[in-house]
C-alpha atoms as a PDB file:
ATOM      1  CA  UNK A   1      27.593   3.990 -17.514  1.00  0.00           C
ATOM      2  CA  UNK A   2      30.869   1.658 -17.725  1.00  0.00           C
ATOM      3  CA  UNK A   3      32.809   3.947 -15.332  1.00  0.00           C
ATOM      4  CA  UNK A   4      30.224   3.312 -12.604  1.00  0.00           C
ATOM      5  CA  UNK A   5      31.497  -0.764 -12.750  1.00  0.00           C
ATOM      6  CA  UNK A   6      27.641  -1.554 -12.980  1.00  0.00           C
ATOM      7  CA  UNK A   7      27.345  -5.596 -13.404  1.00  0.00           C
ATOM      8  CA  UNK A   8      26.145  -6.592 -16.703  1.00  0.00           C
ATOM      9  CA  UNK A   9      23.836  -9.282 -14.648  1.00  0.00           C
ATOM     10  CA  UNK A  10      21.939  -8.946 -11.544  1.00  0.00           C
ATOM     11  CA  UNK A  11      20.028 -11.326  -9.173  1.00  0.00           C
ATOM     12  CA  UNK A  12      16.633 -10.997  -9.452  1.00  0.00           C
ATOM     13  CA  UNK A  13      13.319 -12.785  -8.444  1.00  0.00           C
ATOM     14  CA  UNK A  14      11.473 -13.913 -11.463  1.00  0.00           C
ATOM     15  CA  UNK A  15       7.997 -15.046 -12.190  1.00  0.00           C
ATOM     16  CA  UNK A  16       8.585 -16.990 -15.471  1.00  0.00           C
ATOM     17  CA  UNK A  17       4.887 -17.454 -15.953  1.00  0.00           C
ATOM     18  CA  UNK A  18       2.218 -15.098 -15.205  1.00  0.00           C
ATOM     19  CA  UNK A  19      -0.368 -17.719 -15.199  1.00  0.00           C
ATOM     20  CA  UNK A  20       1.438 -19.080 -12.280  1.00  0.00           C
ATOM     21  CA  UNK A  21       2.576 -18.238  -9.001  1.00  0.00           C
ATOM     22  CA  UNK A  22       5.819 -20.183  -9.034  1.00  0.00           C
ATOM     23  CA  UNK A  23       8.873 -18.090  -8.389  1.00  0.00           C
ATOM     24  CA  UNK A  24      12.543 -18.460  -9.005  1.00  0.00           C
ATOM     25  CA  UNK A  25      16.066 -16.718  -7.936  1.00  0.00           C
ATOM     26  CA  UNK A  26      17.924 -16.175 -11.030  1.00  0.00           C
ATOM     27  CA  UNK A  27      20.184 -13.681 -12.833  1.00  0.00           C
ATOM     28  CA  UNK A  28      18.847 -11.167 -15.372  1.00  0.00           C
ATOM     29  CA  UNK A  29      20.635  -8.673 -17.959  1.00  0.00           C
ATOM     30  CA  UNK A  30      20.960  -5.416 -15.896  1.00  0.00           C
ATOM     31  CA  UNK A  31      18.336  -2.859 -17.270  1.00  0.00           C
ATOM     32  CA  UNK A  32      19.700   0.665 -17.923  1.00  0.00           C
ATOM     33  CA  UNK A  33      18.033   3.754 -17.615  1.00  0.00           C
ATOM     34  CA  UNK A  34      17.023   5.286 -21.007  1.00  0.00           C
ATOM     35  CA  UNK A  35      18.693   8.733 -21.963  1.00  0.00           C
ATOM     36  CA  UNK A  36      16.121  11.442 -22.741  1.00  0.00           C
ATOM     37  CA  UNK A  37      13.560   9.882 -20.690  1.00  0.00           C
ATOM     38  CA  UNK A  38      12.815  10.855 -16.631  1.00  0.00           C
ATOM     39  CA  UNK A  39      13.712   7.205 -15.928  1.00  0.00           C
ATOM     40  CA  UNK A  40      16.266   6.685 -13.099  1.00  0.00           C
ATOM     41  CA  UNK A  41      18.497   3.921 -12.438  1.00  0.00           C
ATOM     42  CA  UNK A  42      18.336   2.686  -8.527  1.00  0.00           C
ATOM     43  CA  UNK A  43      20.211   0.434  -6.209  1.00  0.00           C
ATOM     44  CA  UNK A  44      17.527  -1.405  -4.622  1.00  0.00           C
ATOM     45  CA  UNK A  45      18.102  -1.851  -0.792  1.00  0.00           C
ATOM     46  CA  UNK A  46      14.680  -3.294   0.192  1.00  0.00           C
ATOM     47  CA  UNK A  47      11.556  -4.309  -1.488  1.00  0.00           C
ATOM     48  CA  UNK A  48       8.143  -5.807  -0.385  1.00  0.00           C
ATOM     49  CA  UNK A  49       5.502  -8.218  -1.957  1.00  0.00           C
ATOM     50  CA  UNK A  50       1.936  -7.538  -1.957  1.00  0.00           C
ATOM     51  CA  UNK A  51      -0.775 -10.014  -1.367  1.00  0.00           C
ATOM     52  CA  UNK A  52      -2.385 -11.495  -4.635  1.00  0.00           C
ATOM     53  CA  UNK A  53       0.266  -9.553  -6.869  1.00  0.00           C
ATOM     54  CA  UNK A  54       1.141 -12.542  -8.518  1.00  0.00           C
ATOM     55  CA  UNK A  55      -2.117 -12.979 -10.302  1.00  0.00           C
ATOM     56  CA  UNK A  56      -2.843  -9.441 -11.302  1.00  0.00           C
ATOM     57  CA  UNK A  57      -1.307  -9.949 -14.879  1.00  0.00           C
ATOM     58  CA  UNK A  58      -3.383 -13.039 -15.041  1.00  0.00           C
ATOM     59  CA  UNK A  59      -6.725 -11.378 -13.949  1.00  0.00           C
ATOM     60  CA  UNK A  60      -5.846  -7.905 -15.352  1.00  0.00           C
ATOM     61  CA  UNK A  61      -3.823  -8.624 -18.417  1.00  0.00           C
ATOM     62  CA  UNK A  62      -4.153  -4.767 -19.558  1.00  0.00           C
ATOM     63  CA  UNK A  63      -1.964  -3.694 -16.965  1.00  0.00           C
ATOM     64  CA  UNK A  64       1.163  -5.184 -18.097  1.00  0.00           C
ATOM     65  CA  UNK A  65       3.003  -2.669 -20.497  1.00  0.00           C
ATOM     66  CA  UNK A  66       5.224  -4.011 -23.410  1.00  0.00           C
ATOM     67  CA  UNK A  67       8.453  -5.187 -22.596  1.00  0.00           C
ATOM     68  CA  UNK A  68       7.464  -6.104 -19.021  1.00  0.00           C
ATOM     69  CA  UNK A  69       9.481  -8.869 -17.148  1.00  0.00           C
ATOM     70  CA  UNK A  70       8.080 -11.032 -14.658  1.00  0.00           C
ATOM     71  CA  UNK A  71      10.187  -9.666 -11.445  1.00  0.00           C
ATOM     72  CA  UNK A  72       7.596  -8.626  -8.860  1.00  0.00           C
ATOM     73  CA  UNK A  73       7.197  -6.318  -6.091  1.00  0.00           C
ATOM     74  CA  UNK A  74       6.479  -2.711  -6.510  1.00  0.00           C
ATOM     75  CA  UNK A  75       7.400  -0.944  -3.183  1.00  0.00           C
ATOM     76  CA  UNK A  76      11.116  -0.390  -2.889  1.00  0.00           C
ATOM     77  CA  UNK A  77      13.710   1.742  -1.000  1.00  0.00           C
ATOM     78  CA  UNK A  78      17.127   2.484  -2.493  1.00  0.00           C
ATOM     79  CA  UNK A  79      19.884   4.744  -3.789  1.00  0.00           C
ATOM     80  CA  UNK A  80      19.668   6.627  -7.103  1.00  0.00           C
ATOM     81  CA  UNK A  81      22.799   5.581  -9.632  1.00  0.00           C
ATOM     82  CA  UNK A  82      21.946   7.546 -12.556  1.00  0.00           C
ATOM     83  CA  UNK A  83      19.186  10.492 -13.300  1.00  0.00           C
ATOM     84  CA  UNK A  84      17.915  12.611 -15.723  1.00  0.00           C
ATOM     85  CA  UNK A  85      20.015  15.840 -15.498  1.00  0.00           C
ATOM     86  CA  UNK A  86      16.843  17.871 -14.441  1.00  0.00           C
ATOM     87  CA  UNK A  87      15.872  15.315 -11.939  1.00  0.00           C
ATOM     88  CA  UNK A  88      15.438  16.779  -8.272  1.00  0.00           C
ATOM     89  CA  UNK A  89      16.797  13.086  -7.484  1.00  0.00           C
ATOM     90  CA  UNK A  90      20.443  12.964  -8.451  1.00  0.00           C
ATOM     91  CA  UNK A  91      23.021  10.253  -7.946  1.00  0.00           C
ATOM     92  CA  UNK A  92      23.334   9.195  -4.073  1.00  0.00           C
ATOM     93  CA  UNK A  93      19.887  10.513  -3.237  1.00  0.00           C
ATOM     94  CA  UNK A  94      18.204   8.360  -0.999  1.00  0.00           C
ATOM     95  CA  UNK A  95      14.635   7.345  -2.350  1.00  0.00           C
ATOM     96  CA  UNK A  96      11.761   5.346  -1.855  1.00  0.00           C
ATOM     97  CA  UNK A  97       8.664   4.504  -4.062  1.00  0.00           C
ATOM     98  CA  UNK A  98       5.964   2.252  -5.185  1.00  0.00           C
ATOM     99  CA  UNK A  99       6.522   1.851  -9.229  1.00  0.00           C
ATOM    100  CA  UNK A 100       3.893   1.121 -11.525  1.00  0.00           C
ATOM    101  CA  UNK A 101       2.835  -2.697 -11.718  1.00  0.00           C
ATOM    102  CA  UNK A 102       2.539  -2.612 -15.445  1.00  0.00           C
ATOM    103  CA  UNK A 103       6.455  -2.250 -15.635  1.00  0.00           C
ATOM    104  CA  UNK A 104       9.091  -5.008 -14.166  1.00  0.00           C
ATOM    105  CA  UNK A 105       8.881  -4.984 -10.731  1.00  0.00           C
ATOM    106  CA  UNK A 106      11.952  -4.538  -8.046  1.00  0.00           C
ATOM    107  CA  UNK A 107      12.660  -7.575  -6.533  1.00  0.00           C
ATOM    108  CA  UNK A 108      16.180  -7.274  -8.003  1.00  0.00           C
ATOM    109  CA  UNK A 109      19.573  -5.664  -7.336  1.00  0.00           C
ATOM    110  CA  UNK A 110      18.907  -2.509  -9.791  1.00  0.00           C
ATOM    111  CA  UNK A 111      15.827  -1.017 -10.990  1.00  0.00           C
ATOM    112  CA  UNK A 112      14.051   1.614 -12.710  1.00  0.00           C
ATOM    113  CA  UNK A 113      11.894   4.320 -11.222  1.00  0.00           C
ATOM    114  CA  UNK A 114      10.509   7.652 -12.648  1.00  0.00           C
ATOM    115  CA  UNK A 115      10.584  11.268 -11.445  1.00  0.00           C
ATOM    116  CA  UNK A 116       7.106  11.458 -10.813  1.00  0.00           C
ATOM    117  CA  UNK A 117       7.062   8.157  -8.875  1.00  0.00           C
ATOM    118  CA  UNK A 118       9.998   9.309  -6.554  1.00  0.00           C
ATOM    119  CA  UNK A 119      10.379  10.770  -2.944  1.00  0.00           C
ATOM    120  CA  UNK A 120      13.299  11.194  -0.751  1.00  0.00           C
ATOM    121  CA  UNK A 121      13.491   8.562   1.999  1.00  0.00           C
ATOM    122  CA  UNK A 122      12.575   9.710   5.173  1.00  0.00           C
ATOM    123  CA  UNK A 123      16.019  10.331   7.342  1.00  0.00           C
ATOM    124  CA  UNK A 124      14.706   8.472  10.460  1.00  0.00           C
ATOM    125  CA  UNK A 125      13.805   5.179   8.767  1.00  0.00           C
ATOM    126  CA  UNK A 126      15.775   2.180   7.969  1.00  0.00           C
ATOM    127  CA  UNK A 127      15.732   0.970   4.448  1.00  0.00           C
ATOM    128  CA  UNK A 128      13.487  -1.837   5.347  1.00  0.00           C
ATOM    129  CA  UNK A 129      11.163   0.396   7.179  1.00  0.00           C
ATOM    130  CA  UNK A 130      10.998   2.922   4.256  1.00  0.00           C
ATOM    131  CA  UNK A 131      10.122   0.195   1.727  1.00  0.00           C
ATOM    132  CA  UNK A 132       7.084  -0.871   3.942  1.00  0.00           C
ATOM    133  CA  UNK A 133       5.364   2.485   3.386  1.00  0.00           C
ATOM    134  CA  UNK A 134       4.740   3.493  -0.404  1.00  0.00           C
ATOM    135  CA  UNK A 135       2.065   1.175  -1.707  1.00  0.00           C
ATOM    136  CA  UNK A 136       0.365   0.982   1.719  1.00  0.00           C
ATOM    137  CA  UNK A 137       0.464   4.846   2.227  1.00  0.00           C
ATOM    138  CA  UNK A 138      -0.457   5.579  -1.597  1.00  0.00           C
ATOM    139  CA  UNK A 139      -3.682   3.614  -1.079  1.00  0.00           C
ATOM    140  CA  UNK A 140      -4.555   4.802   2.343  1.00  0.00           C
ATOM    141  CA  UNK A 141      -4.182   8.433   1.172  1.00  0.00           C
ATOM    142  CA  UNK A 142      -6.175   8.113  -2.159  1.00  0.00           C
ATOM    143  CA  UNK A 143      -8.878   5.977  -0.379  1.00  0.00           C
ATOM    144  CA  UNK A 144      -9.610   8.726   2.152  1.00  0.00           C
ATOM    145  CA  UNK A 145      -8.927  11.957   0.592  1.00  0.00           C
ATOM    146  CA  UNK A 146      -9.748  11.355  -3.049  1.00  0.00           C
ATOM    147  CA  UNK A 147     -12.351   8.877  -2.967  1.00  0.00           C
ATOM    148  CA  UNK A 148     -13.619   8.931   0.470  1.00  0.00           C
ATOM    149  CA  UNK A 149     -14.520  12.554   0.953  1.00  0.00           C
ATOM    150  CA  UNK A 150     -12.189  13.495   3.786  1.00  0.00           C
ATOM    151  CA  UNK A 151     -10.626  17.014   3.566  1.00  0.00           C
ATOM    152  CA  UNK A 152      -6.746  16.502   3.299  1.00  0.00           C
ATOM    153  CA  UNK A 153      -4.432  18.656   5.024  1.00  0.00           C
ATOM    154  CA  UNK A 154      -2.509  17.453   8.479  1.00  0.00           C
ATOM    155  CA  UNK A 155      -2.123  20.917   9.785  1.00  0.00           C
ATOM    156  CA  UNK A 156      -5.354  22.823   8.719  1.00  0.00           C
ATOM    157  CA  UNK A 157      -7.500  23.163  11.463  1.00  0.00           C
ATOM    158  CA  UNK A 158     -10.783  23.759   9.268  1.00  0.00           C
ATOM    159  CA  UNK A 159     -10.106  20.411   7.394  1.00  0.00           C
ATOM    160  CA  UNK A 160      -9.633  18.447  10.658  1.00  0.00           C
ATOM    161  CA  UNK A 161     -12.628  20.040  12.222  1.00  0.00           C
ATOM    162  CA  UNK A 162     -14.604  19.010   9.259  1.00  0.00           C
ATOM    163  CA  UNK A 163     -13.199  15.406   9.176  1.00  0.00           C
ATOM    164  CA  UNK A 164     -13.650  15.128  13.191  1.00  0.00           C
ATOM    165  CA  UNK A 165     -17.581  15.108  12.064  1.00  0.00           C
ATOM    166  CA  UNK A 166     -17.295  11.822  10.320  1.00  0.00           C
ATOM    167  CA  UNK A 167     -17.049   8.297  11.492  1.00  0.00           C
ATOM    168  CA  UNK A 168     -14.908   5.926   9.301  1.00  0.00           C
ATOM    169  CA  UNK A 169     -15.130   1.913   9.439  1.00  0.00           C
ATOM    170  CA  UNK A 170     -11.679   0.143   8.336  1.00  0.00           C
ATOM    171  CA  UNK A 171     -11.523  -3.806   7.655  1.00  0.00           C
ATOM    172  CA  UNK A 172      -8.138  -5.500   8.008  1.00  0.00           C
ATOM    173  CA  UNK A 173      -7.192  -2.721  10.396  1.00  0.00           C
ATOM    174  CA  UNK A 174      -4.066  -4.357  11.173  1.00  0.00           C
ATOM    175  CA  UNK A 175      -2.737  -5.327   7.656  1.00  0.00           C
ATOM    176  CA  UNK A 176      -0.273  -3.337   5.384  1.00  0.00           C
ATOM    177  CA  UNK A 177      -3.092  -0.765   4.342  1.00  0.00           C
ATOM    178  CA  UNK A 178      -5.236  -0.671   7.188  1.00  0.00           C
ATOM    179  CA  UNK A 179      -2.259   0.639   9.533  1.00  0.00           C
ATOM    180  CA  UNK A 180      -2.096   3.496   7.418  1.00  0.00           C
ATOM    181  CA  UNK A 181      -5.931   4.196   6.987  1.00  0.00           C
ATOM    182  CA  UNK A 182      -6.128   4.319  10.890  1.00  0.00           C
ATOM    183  CA  UNK A 183      -3.030   6.498  11.126  1.00  0.00           C
ATOM    184  CA  UNK A 184      -4.042   8.810   8.235  1.00  0.00           C
ATOM    185  CA  UNK A 185      -7.289   9.188   9.501  1.00  0.00           C
ATOM    186  CA  UNK A 186      -6.398   9.959  12.986  1.00  0.00           C
ATOM    187  CA  UNK A 187      -3.883  12.314  11.668  1.00  0.00           C
ATOM    188  CA  UNK A 188      -6.705  14.417   9.673  1.00  0.00           C
ATOM    189  CA  UNK A 189      -8.761  14.724  12.565  1.00  0.00           C
ATOM    190  CA  UNK A 190     -11.196  11.823  12.501  1.00  0.00           C
ATOM    191  CA  UNK A 191     -12.545  11.174  16.051  1.00  0.00           C
ATOM    192  CA  UNK A 192     -14.377   7.916  15.123  1.00  0.00           C
ATOM    193  CA  UNK A 193     -12.046   5.183  13.618  1.00  0.00           C
ATOM    194  CA  UNK A 194     -13.731   1.797  13.985  1.00  0.00           C
ATOM    195  CA  UNK A 195     -11.333  -1.128  13.209  1.00  0.00           C
ATOM    196  CA  UNK A 196     -11.981  -4.771  12.373  1.00  0.00           C
ATOM    197  CA  UNK A 197      -9.137  -6.756  13.628  1.00  0.00           C
ATOM    198  CA  UNK A 198      -8.200 -10.338  15.195  1.00  0.00           C
ATOM    199  CA  UNK A 199      -8.135 -10.786  18.689  1.00  0.00           C
ATOM    200  CA  UNK A 200      -4.303 -10.362  18.913  1.00  0.00           C
ATOM    201  CA  UNK A 201      -4.384  -7.311  17.200  1.00  0.00           C
ATOM    202  CA  UNK A 202      -7.022  -5.300  19.063  1.00  0.00           C
ATOM    203  CA  UNK A 203      -4.421  -3.609  21.313  1.00  0.00           C
ATOM    204  CA  UNK A 204      -2.285  -2.857  18.433  1.00  0.00           C
ATOM    205  CA  UNK A 205      -4.933  -1.015  16.277  1.00  0.00           C
ATOM    206  CA  UNK A 206      -6.278   0.801  19.283  1.00  0.00           C
ATOM    207  CA  UNK A 207      -2.586   2.112  19.710  1.00  0.00           C
ATOM    208  CA  UNK A 208      -2.677   3.443  16.046  1.00  0.00           C
ATOM    209  CA  UNK A 209      -5.638   5.176  16.629  1.00  0.00           C
ATOM    210  CA  UNK A 210      -8.761   2.992  16.568  1.00  0.00           C
ATOM    211  CA  UNK A 211     -11.383   4.064  18.940  1.00  0.00           C
ATOM    212  CA  UNK A 212     -13.551   1.014  18.633  1.00  0.00           C
ATOM    213  CA  UNK A 213     -12.345  -2.230  17.916  1.00  0.00           C
ATOM    214  CA  UNK A 214     -14.369  -5.078  16.413  1.00  0.00           C
ATOM    215  CA  UNK A 215     -12.930  -8.708  17.470  1.00  0.00           C
ATOM    216  CA  UNK A 216     -14.006 -10.564  14.015  1.00  0.00           C
ATOM    217  CA  UNK A 217     -13.579 -13.852  15.849  1.00  0.00           C
ATOM    218  CA  UNK A 218     -16.380 -13.253  18.321  1.00  0.00           C
ATOM    219  CA  UNK A 219     -18.284 -10.934  15.982  1.00  0.00           C
ATOM    220  CA  UNK A 220     -18.680 -10.388  12.422  1.00  0.00           C
ATOM    221  CA  UNK A 221     -19.084  -7.106  10.681  1.00  0.00           C
ATOM    222  CA  UNK A 222     -22.589  -7.736   9.713  1.00  0.00           C
ATOM    223  CA  UNK A 223     -23.446  -8.863  13.117  1.00  0.00           C
ATOM    224  CA  UNK A 224     -22.031  -5.708  14.548  1.00  0.00           C
ATOM    225  CA  UNK A 225     -23.926  -3.640  12.199  1.00  0.00           C
ATOM    226  CA  UNK A 226     -27.306  -5.135  13.043  1.00  0.00           C
ATOM    227  CA  UNK A 227     -26.592  -4.908  16.719  1.00  0.00           C
ATOM    228  CA  UNK A 228     -27.475  -1.104  16.842  1.00  0.00           C
ATOM    229  CA  UNK A 229     -23.870   0.165  16.664  1.00  0.00           C
ATOM    230  CA  UNK A 230     -23.485   3.592  14.760  1.00  0.00           C
ATOM    231  CA  UNK A 231     -23.027   3.181  11.100  1.00  0.00           C
ATOM    232  CA  UNK A 232     -20.189   4.768   9.516  1.00  0.00           C
ATOM    233  CA  UNK A 233     -19.807   7.774   6.902  1.00  0.00           C
ATOM    234  CA  UNK A 234     -16.980   6.208   5.417  1.00  0.00           C
ATOM    235  CA  UNK A 235     -16.468   2.305   5.212  1.00  0.00           C
ATOM    236  CA  UNK A 236     -13.119   1.057   3.719  1.00  0.00           C
ATOM    237  CA  UNK A 237     -12.742  -2.509   3.084  1.00  0.00           C
ATOM    238  CA  UNK A 238      -9.387  -4.735   2.274  1.00  0.00           C
ATOM    239  CA  UNK A 239     -10.871  -8.062   2.617  1.00  0.00           C
ATOM    240  CA  UNK A 240     -13.780  -8.715  -0.091  1.00  0.00           C
ATOM    241  CA  UNK A 241     -16.466 -11.467  -0.326  1.00  0.00           C
ATOM    242  CA  UNK A 242     -18.400 -11.680   2.964  1.00  0.00           C
ATOM    243  CA  UNK A 243     -16.600  -8.677   4.618  1.00  0.00           C
ATOM    244  CA  UNK A 244     -17.522  -6.616   1.660  1.00  0.00           C
ATOM    245  CA  UNK A 245     -21.341  -7.643   1.415  1.00  0.00           C
ATOM    246  CA  UNK A 246     -21.366  -6.962   5.442  1.00  0.00           C
ATOM    247  CA  UNK A 247     -19.849  -3.278   4.798  1.00  0.00           C
ATOM    248  CA  UNK A 248     -23.052  -2.446   3.049  1.00  0.00           C
ATOM    249  CA  UNK A 249     -24.608  -2.996   6.390  1.00  0.00           C
ATOM    250  CA  UNK A 250     -22.335  -0.851   8.080  1.00  0.00           C
ATOM    251  CA  UNK A 251     -22.413   2.062   5.922  1.00  0.00           C
ATOM    252  CA  UNK A 252     -25.180   5.279   6.286  1.00  0.00           C
ATOM    253  CA  UNK A 253     -27.451   6.500   3.893  1.00  0.00           C
ATOM    254  CA  UNK A 254     -25.438   9.129   1.773  1.00  0.00           C
ATOM    255  CA  UNK A 255     -22.057   7.417   2.829  1.00  0.00           C
ATOM    256  CA  UNK A 256     -18.991   6.026   1.084  1.00  0.00           C
ATOM    257  CA  UNK A 257     -18.215   2.718   0.561  1.00  0.00           C
ATOM    258  CA  UNK A 258     -14.734   1.633  -1.044  1.00  0.00           C
ATOM    259  CA  UNK A 259     -12.809  -1.414  -1.574  1.00  0.00           C
ATOM    260  CA  UNK A 260      -9.341  -2.126  -2.810  1.00  0.00           C
ATOM    261  CA  UNK A 261     -10.189  -6.112  -3.605  1.00  0.00           C
ATOM    262  CA  UNK A 262     -13.259  -6.089  -5.895  1.00  0.00           C
ATOM    263  CA  UNK A 263     -16.242  -3.566  -6.670  1.00  0.00           C
ATOM    264  CA  UNK A 264     -18.780  -3.257  -3.845  1.00  0.00           C
ATOM    265  CA  UNK A 265     -21.406  -2.970  -6.399  1.00  0.00           C
ATOM    266  CA  UNK A 266     -21.413  -6.511  -6.884  1.00  0.00           C
ATOM    267  CA  UNK A 267     -22.334  -7.457  -3.294  1.00  0.00           C
ATOM    268  CA  UNK A 268     -24.977  -4.531  -2.774  1.00  0.00           C
ATOM    269  CA  UNK A 269     -28.030  -6.106  -1.251  1.00  0.00           C
ATOM    270  CA  UNK A 270     -31.209  -6.569  -3.172  1.00  0.00           C
ATOM    271  CA  UNK A 271     -33.484  -6.108  -0.598  1.00  0.00           C
ATOM    272  CA  UNK A 272     -33.284  -2.700   1.673  1.00  0.00           C
ATOM    273  CA  UNK A 273     -29.978  -1.244   0.580  1.00  0.00           C
ATOM    274  CA  UNK A 274     -28.665   1.939   1.977  1.00  0.00           C
ATOM    275  CA  UNK A 275     -29.800   4.785   0.241  1.00  0.00           C
ATOM    276  CA  UNK A 276     -27.401   6.872  -2.270  1.00  0.00           C
ATOM    277  CA  UNK A 277     -24.174   5.093  -1.018  1.00  0.00           C
ATOM    278  CA  UNK A 278     -21.472   5.915  -3.320  1.00  0.00           C
ATOM    279  CA  UNK A 279     -19.239   2.903  -3.776  1.00  0.00           C
ATOM    280  CA  UNK A 280     -15.713   2.514  -5.578  1.00  0.00           C
ATOM    281  CA  UNK A 281     -13.122  -0.135  -6.433  1.00  0.00           C
ATOM    282  CA  UNK A 282      -9.922   1.639  -7.090  1.00  0.00           C
ATOM    283  CA  UNK A 283      -6.239   0.846  -7.874  1.00  0.00           C
ATOM    284  CA  UNK A 284      -3.890   3.450  -6.490  1.00  0.00           C
ATOM    285  CA  UNK A 285      -1.165   5.641  -8.607  1.00  0.00           C
ATOM    286  CA  UNK A 286       2.352   5.924  -7.751  1.00  0.00           C
ATOM    287  CA  UNK A 287       2.211  10.052  -6.841  1.00  0.00           C
ATOM    288  CA  UNK A 288       5.579  11.059  -5.530  1.00  0.00           C
ATOM    289  CA  UNK A 289       4.118  14.316  -3.851  1.00  0.00           C
ATOM    290  CA  UNK A 290       2.002  11.924  -1.938  1.00  0.00           C
ATOM    291  CA  UNK A 291       5.066  10.201  -0.301  1.00  0.00           C
ATOM    292  CA  UNK A 292       6.622  13.426   0.163  1.00  0.00           C
ATOM    293  CA  UNK A 293       3.787  14.345   2.525  1.00  0.00           C
ATOM    294  CA  UNK A 294       3.948  10.934   4.364  1.00  0.00           C
ATOM    295  CA  UNK A 295       7.480  11.408   4.869  1.00  0.00           C
ATOM    296  CA  UNK A 296       7.189  14.701   6.797  1.00  0.00           C
ATOM    297  CA  UNK A 297       4.558  12.960   9.434  1.00  0.00           C
ATOM    298  CA  UNK A 298       7.164   9.725   9.409  1.00  0.00           C
ATOM    299  CA  UNK A 299      10.100  12.417  10.230  1.00  0.00           C
ATOM    300  CA  UNK A 300       8.019  14.286  12.745  1.00  0.00           C
ATOM    301  CA  UNK A 301       7.007  10.867  14.333  1.00  0.00           C
ATOM    302  CA  UNK A 302       3.501  11.795  13.487  1.00  0.00           C
ATOM    303  CA  UNK A 303       3.196   8.068  11.627  1.00  0.00           C
ATOM    304  CA  UNK A 304       4.968   4.597  12.068  1.00  0.00           C
ATOM    305  CA  UNK A 305       6.297   2.286   9.518  1.00  0.00           C
ATOM    306  CA  UNK A 306       4.782  -1.006  10.451  1.00  0.00           C
ATOM    307  CA  UNK A 307       7.141  -3.684   9.630  1.00  0.00           C
ATOM    308  CA  UNK A 308       5.757  -7.507   9.923  1.00  0.00           C
ATOM    309  CA  UNK A 309       9.179  -9.155   9.279  1.00  0.00           C
ATOM    310  CA  UNK A 310      12.130  -8.937   6.993  1.00  0.00           C
ATOM    311  CA  UNK A 311      13.611 -11.823   4.772  1.00  0.00           C
ATOM    312  CA  UNK A 312      16.849 -11.936   3.108  1.00  0.00           C
ATOM    313  CA  UNK A 313      16.789 -12.035  -0.700  1.00  0.00           C
ATOM    314  CA  UNK A 314      17.322 -15.620  -0.702  1.00  0.00           C
ATOM    315  CA  UNK A 315      14.113 -16.269   1.691  1.00  0.00           C
ATOM    316  CA  UNK A 316      11.826 -14.474  -0.844  1.00  0.00           C
ATOM    317  CA  UNK A 317       9.521 -17.625  -1.018  1.00  0.00           C
ATOM    318  CA  UNK A 318       9.099 -17.167   2.926  1.00  0.00           C
ATOM    319  CA  UNK A 319       8.291 -13.558   2.241  1.00  0.00           C
ATOM    320  CA  UNK A 320       5.809 -14.197   0.034  1.00  0.00           C
ATOM    321  CA  UNK A 321       3.857 -17.161   1.946  1.00  0.00           C
ATOM    322  CA  UNK A 322       4.091 -14.921   4.745  1.00  0.00           C
ATOM    323  CA  UNK A 323       2.279 -11.974   2.872  1.00  0.00           C
ATOM    324  CA  UNK A 324      -0.009 -14.196   1.230  1.00  0.00           C
ATOM    325  CA  UNK A 325      -0.961 -15.539   4.553  1.00  0.00           C
ATOM    326  CA  UNK A 326      -3.537 -12.938   5.650  1.00  0.00           C
ATOM    327  CA  UNK A 327      -1.877 -12.755   8.929  1.00  0.00           C
ATOM    328  CA  UNK A 328       0.930 -10.253   8.392  1.00  0.00           C
ATOM    329  CA  UNK A 329       0.647  -7.255  10.911  1.00  0.00           C
ATOM    330  CA  UNK A 330       1.919  -4.295   8.854  1.00  0.00           C
ATOM    331  CA  UNK A 331       4.334  -5.202   5.697  1.00  0.00           C
ATOM    332  CA  UNK A 332       6.581  -7.981   4.641  1.00  0.00           C
ATOM    333  CA  UNK A 333      10.080  -6.809   3.585  1.00  0.00           C
ATOM    334  CA  UNK A 334      12.665  -8.387   1.262  1.00  0.00           C
ATOM    335  CA  UNK A 335      16.195  -7.213   2.074  1.00  0.00           C
ATOM    336  CA  UNK A 336      18.042  -6.910  -1.354  1.00  0.00           C
ATOM    337  CA  UNK A 337      21.405  -5.079  -0.186  1.00  0.00           C
ATOM    338  CA  UNK A 338      22.910  -5.159   3.300  1.00  0.00           C
END
């Protein structure tokens, strides 16, 4: 390791107290990849905050693994510095991933990632574009194909034909996860994609694949649903609270309702709920093979990485503020190395 001239201390964003959202920029000891494991040492070029992440450990203390340090941000793009001998990602490989939130995060100059989490960075993307993808694409892929009942397979005509029969409704369609839900649903063959969005993003979500846009400033999801519009086979919510309650009015009998914010069952109407709706709250799992599939779409220009804004490392507080604002179009990025 010493022959690599790696620093003993590295610049890191740190959340000193998991009970508070305060962040500081400091120096922390360089973490080394442990020999005999599938750990890789990665030089981080870009990372991305996720809305709400600074309260995850407070709200879900069970996710914190032993030894976790309060470095936030779990998306990354970077270069492998050290790797296990049998890893497909050897030193010099350009990679991207979303690491397990139970471990120390990636808003630092060097970090650790596991073999199962990694995929090669799409060749046509910048570091910043690549870092915008993993968490959002993982969540969208798993919502649509593992929980939502759609058939996976971009180029399988039988799967696309089955998916074409489905109507999918997506809230926060212009957000970090929403843009990937729209793109993956379209690529999988869905012909009817309803997107909930603000007025300034209507044309944007249509350009990604939304076929029917709801301007929530003019009409709530609940009002849209009771106005006689066809209900959806699959509703995916990224907002929670009243929008999640309204989502119950927009899903068909025997349909599927998914939230990545909170349990839909908590908002199920007491009177006349839709019948036999499968409803789920789930937390995504970082599966490198799924990013490999997404990389093919990106390299073939069949999907786009959507970056809202890029901030220098010293501007991490501004980046988090934009991410938490609820008004980012796509993903907010922090540049760690040039």
